[in-house]
Amino acid sequence: MGMSSGDKFQKDECLLVARACRDNVDSIQQRIDRLNKEIGKGTAVYSRDELKMLDSQLKDATRTLEMLISDGA
């Protein structure tokens, strides 16, 4: 998946509204990576409320990954 120069300043609507991207399925690690990338765009792209929501999703995904790793050990 290539990134156009405008991607840096565009919101990832799929992460903000899950129902808008039913066809897009990420692994937990891919989701964590995408969330980190989007959060890194900061307030130049996202409102503070949107960043809080993305951060909450990141924490949930990280906890899920940690649970899967610890259960598999």
N, C-alpha and C. Protein backbone atom coordinates (compact mmCIF):
# COMPACT_ATOMS: atom_id res chain seq x y z
N MET A 1 0.82 -1.17 0.00
CA MET A 1 0.00 0.00 0.00
C MET A 1 0.87 1.24 0.00
N GLY A 2 0.81 2.02 -1.04
CA GLY A 2 1.62 3.22 -1.12
C GLY A 2 0.96 4.37 -0.38
N MET A 3 1.78 5.34 -0.05
CA MET A 3 1.28 6.50 0.65
C MET A 3 1.45 7.71 -0.25
N SER A 4 0.38 8.42 -0.50
CA SER A 4 0.51 9.64 -1.28
C SER A 4 0.95 10.75 -0.36
N SER A 5 1.44 11.83 -0.92
CA SER A 5 1.95 12.92 -0.09
C SER A 5 0.85 13.52 0.78
N GLY A 6 -0.42 13.41 0.37
CA GLY A 6 -1.52 13.96 1.14
C GLY A 6 -1.94 13.09 2.31
N ASP A 7 -1.49 11.82 2.36
CA ASP A 7 -1.88 10.91 3.44
C ASP A 7 -1.47 11.43 4.81
N LYS A 8 -0.38 12.16 4.87
CA LYS A 8 0.13 12.65 6.15
C LYS A 8 -0.88 13.56 6.84
N PHE A 9 -1.72 14.22 6.05
CA PHE A 9 -2.64 15.19 6.61
C PHE A 9 -4.10 14.76 6.53
N GLN A 10 -4.34 13.49 6.27
CA GLN A 10 -5.70 12.99 6.18
C GLN A 10 -6.01 12.08 7.36
N LYS A 11 -7.26 12.17 7.81
CA LYS A 11 -7.72 11.31 8.90
C LYS A 11 -7.94 9.90 8.37
N ASP A 12 -7.72 8.93 9.22
CA ASP A 12 -8.06 7.55 8.89
C ASP A 12 -9.47 7.32 9.43
N GLU A 13 -10.45 7.58 8.59
CA GLU A 13 -11.86 7.45 8.99
C GLU A 13 -12.18 6.03 9.45
N CYS A 14 -11.47 5.06 8.92
CA CYS A 14 -11.70 3.67 9.28
C CYS A 14 -11.45 3.45 10.77
N LEU A 15 -10.43 4.09 11.30
CA LEU A 15 -10.14 3.95 12.73
C LEU A 15 -11.12 4.75 13.57
N LEU A 16 -11.59 5.87 13.04
CA LEU A 16 -12.52 6.70 13.80
C LEU A 16 -13.93 6.12 13.84
N VAL A 17 -14.36 5.51 12.73
CA VAL A 17 -15.71 4.96 12.63
C VAL A 17 -15.60 3.56 12.06
N ALA A 18 -15.56 2.58 12.92
CA ALA A 18 -15.29 1.20 12.51
C ALA A 18 -16.25 0.71 11.44
N ARG A 19 -17.48 1.14 11.44
CA ARG A 19 -18.44 0.62 10.47
C ARG A 19 -18.14 1.09 9.05
N ALA A 20 -17.27 2.08 8.90
CA ALA A 20 -16.95 2.60 7.57
C ALA A 20 -15.93 1.74 6.84
N CYS A 21 -15.41 0.70 7.50
CA CYS A 21 -14.34 -0.08 6.87
C CYS A 21 -14.51 -1.57 7.12
N ARG A 22 -15.66 -2.07 6.91
CA ARG A 22 -15.93 -3.49 7.15
C ARG A 22 -15.02 -4.40 6.36
N ASP A 23 -14.58 -3.96 5.19
CA ASP A 23 -13.74 -4.79 4.33
C ASP A 23 -12.28 -4.77 4.73
N ASN A 24 -11.91 -3.89 5.64
CA ASN A 24 -10.51 -3.72 6.03
C ASN A 24 -10.29 -4.44 7.36
N VAL A 25 -9.54 -5.54 7.33
CA VAL A 25 -9.29 -6.31 8.54
C VAL A 25 -7.79 -6.31 8.81
N ASP A 26 -7.43 -5.85 10.00
CA ASP A 26 -6.03 -5.79 10.41
C ASP A 26 -5.75 -6.83 11.48
N SER A 27 -4.51 -7.28 11.54
CA SER A 27 -4.09 -8.05 12.69
C SER A 27 -3.98 -7.05 13.86
N ILE A 28 -3.87 -7.56 15.05
CA ILE A 28 -3.75 -6.66 16.20
C ILE A 28 -2.50 -5.79 16.06
N GLN A 29 -1.39 -6.38 15.64
CA GLN A 29 -0.16 -5.61 15.49
C GLN A 29 -0.30 -4.54 14.40
N GLN A 30 -0.97 -4.88 13.31
CA GLN A 30 -1.20 -3.89 12.25
C GLN A 30 -2.06 -2.74 12.77
N ARG A 31 -3.07 -3.08 13.56
CA ARG A 31 -3.95 -2.05 14.13
C ARG A 31 -3.16 -1.14 15.06
N ILE A 32 -2.30 -1.72 15.89
CA ILE A 32 -1.47 -0.93 16.80
C ILE A 32 -0.57 0.01 15.98
N ASP A 33 0.03 -0.51 14.93
CA ASP A 33 0.90 0.31 14.08
C ASP A 33 0.12 1.46 13.44
N ARG A 34 -1.08 1.15 12.92
CA ARG A 34 -1.90 2.20 12.30
C ARG A 34 -2.32 3.25 13.31
N LEU A 35 -2.70 2.81 14.50
CA LEU A 35 -3.10 3.76 15.54
C LEU A 35 -1.94 4.67 15.93
N ASN A 36 -0.76 4.08 16.11
CA ASN A 36 0.42 4.88 16.44
C ASN A 36 0.71 5.92 15.35
N LYS A 37 0.59 5.50 14.11
CA LYS A 37 0.84 6.40 12.98
C LYS A 37 -0.15 7.56 13.00
N GLU A 38 -1.42 7.25 13.21
CA GLU A 38 -2.45 8.28 13.20
C GLU A 38 -2.30 9.22 14.39
N ILE A 39 -2.03 8.69 15.56
CA ILE A 39 -1.84 9.52 16.75
C ILE A 39 -0.65 10.45 16.54
N GLY A 40 0.36 9.96 15.84
CA GLY A 40 1.54 10.77 15.55
C GLY A 40 1.24 12.00 14.70
N LYS A 41 0.13 11.99 13.97
CA LYS A 41 -0.25 13.15 13.17
C LYS A 41 -0.71 14.30 14.04
N GLY A 42 -1.14 13.98 15.26
CA GLY A 42 -1.48 15.00 16.24
C GLY A 42 -2.64 15.90 15.86
N THR A 43 -2.62 17.09 16.47
CA THR A 43 -3.73 18.04 16.29
C THR A 43 -3.71 18.74 14.95
N ALA A 44 -2.69 18.48 14.13
CA ALA A 44 -2.69 19.02 12.77
C ALA A 44 -3.77 18.34 11.94
N VAL A 45 -4.16 17.13 12.36
CA VAL A 45 -5.15 16.36 11.61
C VAL A 45 -6.38 16.04 12.45
N TYR A 46 -6.17 15.69 13.71
CA TYR A 46 -7.25 15.22 14.58
C TYR A 46 -7.56 16.22 15.68
N SER A 47 -8.83 16.24 16.10
CA SER A 47 -9.21 17.04 17.27
C SER A 47 -8.71 16.33 18.52
N ARG A 48 -8.70 17.03 19.62
CA ARG A 48 -8.25 16.42 20.89
C ARG A 48 -9.14 15.23 21.26
N ASP A 49 -10.44 15.36 21.03
CA ASP A 49 -11.35 14.25 21.34
C ASP A 49 -11.06 13.03 20.47
N GLU A 50 -10.79 13.27 19.20
CA GLU A 50 -10.46 12.16 18.30
C GLU A 50 -9.15 11.50 18.72
N LEU A 51 -8.17 12.30 19.13
CA LEU A 51 -6.90 11.74 19.59
C LEU A 51 -7.09 10.91 20.86
N LYS A 52 -7.97 11.37 21.76
CA LYS A 52 -8.26 10.59 22.97
C LYS A 52 -8.90 9.26 22.60
N MET A 53 -9.81 9.29 21.62
CA MET A 53 -10.47 8.06 21.19
C MET A 53 -9.45 7.10 20.58
N LEU A 54 -8.57 7.62 19.73
CA LEU A 54 -7.54 6.78 19.11
C LEU A 54 -6.60 6.22 20.18
N ASP A 55 -6.25 7.03 21.17
CA ASP A 55 -5.39 6.57 22.25
C ASP A 55 -6.06 5.47 23.06
N SER A 56 -7.35 5.60 23.29
CA SER A 56 -8.10 4.57 24.00
C SER A 56 -8.11 3.27 23.21
N GLN A 57 -8.31 3.38 21.89
CA GLN A 57 -8.27 2.19 21.04
C GLN A 57 -6.89 1.55 21.06
N LEU A 58 -5.85 2.38 21.08
CA LEU A 58 -4.48 1.87 21.13
C LEU A 58 -4.24 1.10 22.43
N LYS A 59 -4.70 1.65 23.53
CA LYS A 59 -4.54 0.96 24.82
C LYS A 59 -5.28 -0.37 24.82
N ASP A 60 -6.50 -0.39 24.28
CA ASP A 60 -7.27 -1.63 24.22
C ASP A 60 -6.56 -2.68 23.35
N ALA A 61 -6.07 -2.25 22.20
CA ALA A 61 -5.38 -3.18 21.30
C ALA A 61 -4.10 -3.70 21.93
N THR A 62 -3.38 -2.84 22.64
CA THR A 62 -2.14 -3.25 23.31
C THR A 62 -2.44 -4.26 24.41
N ARG A 63 -3.49 -4.01 25.18
CA ARG A 63 -3.90 -4.96 26.23
C ARG A 63 -4.27 -6.31 25.62
N THR A 64 -5.01 -6.28 24.52
CA THR A 64 -5.41 -7.51 23.85
C THR A 64 -4.18 -8.29 23.40
N LEU A 65 -3.23 -7.60 22.78
CA LEU A 65 -2.01 -8.25 22.33
C LEU A 65 -1.24 -8.84 23.50
N GLU A 66 -1.13 -8.10 24.59
CA GLU A 66 -0.44 -8.60 25.77
C GLU A 66 -1.11 -9.84 26.34
N MET A 67 -2.46 -9.85 26.34
CA MET A 67 -3.20 -11.01 26.84
C MET A 67 -2.95 -12.21 25.95
N LEU A 68 -2.96 -12.01 24.64
CA LEU A 68 -2.72 -13.12 23.71
C LEU A 68 -1.31 -13.67 23.88
N ILE A 69 -0.35 -12.79 24.07
CA ILE A 69 1.03 -13.23 24.25
C ILE A 69 1.19 -13.99 25.56
N SER A 70 0.61 -13.48 26.63
CA SER A 70 0.77 -14.15 27.93
C SER A 70 0.00 -15.48 27.99
N ASP A 71 -1.16 -15.55 27.33
CA ASP A 71 -1.91 -16.80 27.28
C ASP A 71 -1.22 -17.86 26.43
N GLY A 72 -0.48 -17.40 25.43
CA GLY A 72 0.21 -18.32 24.54
C GLY A 72 1.54 -18.80 25.08
N ALA A 73 2.01 -18.17 26.15
CA ALA A 73 3.33 -18.51 26.68
C ALA A 73 3.30 -19.74 27.55
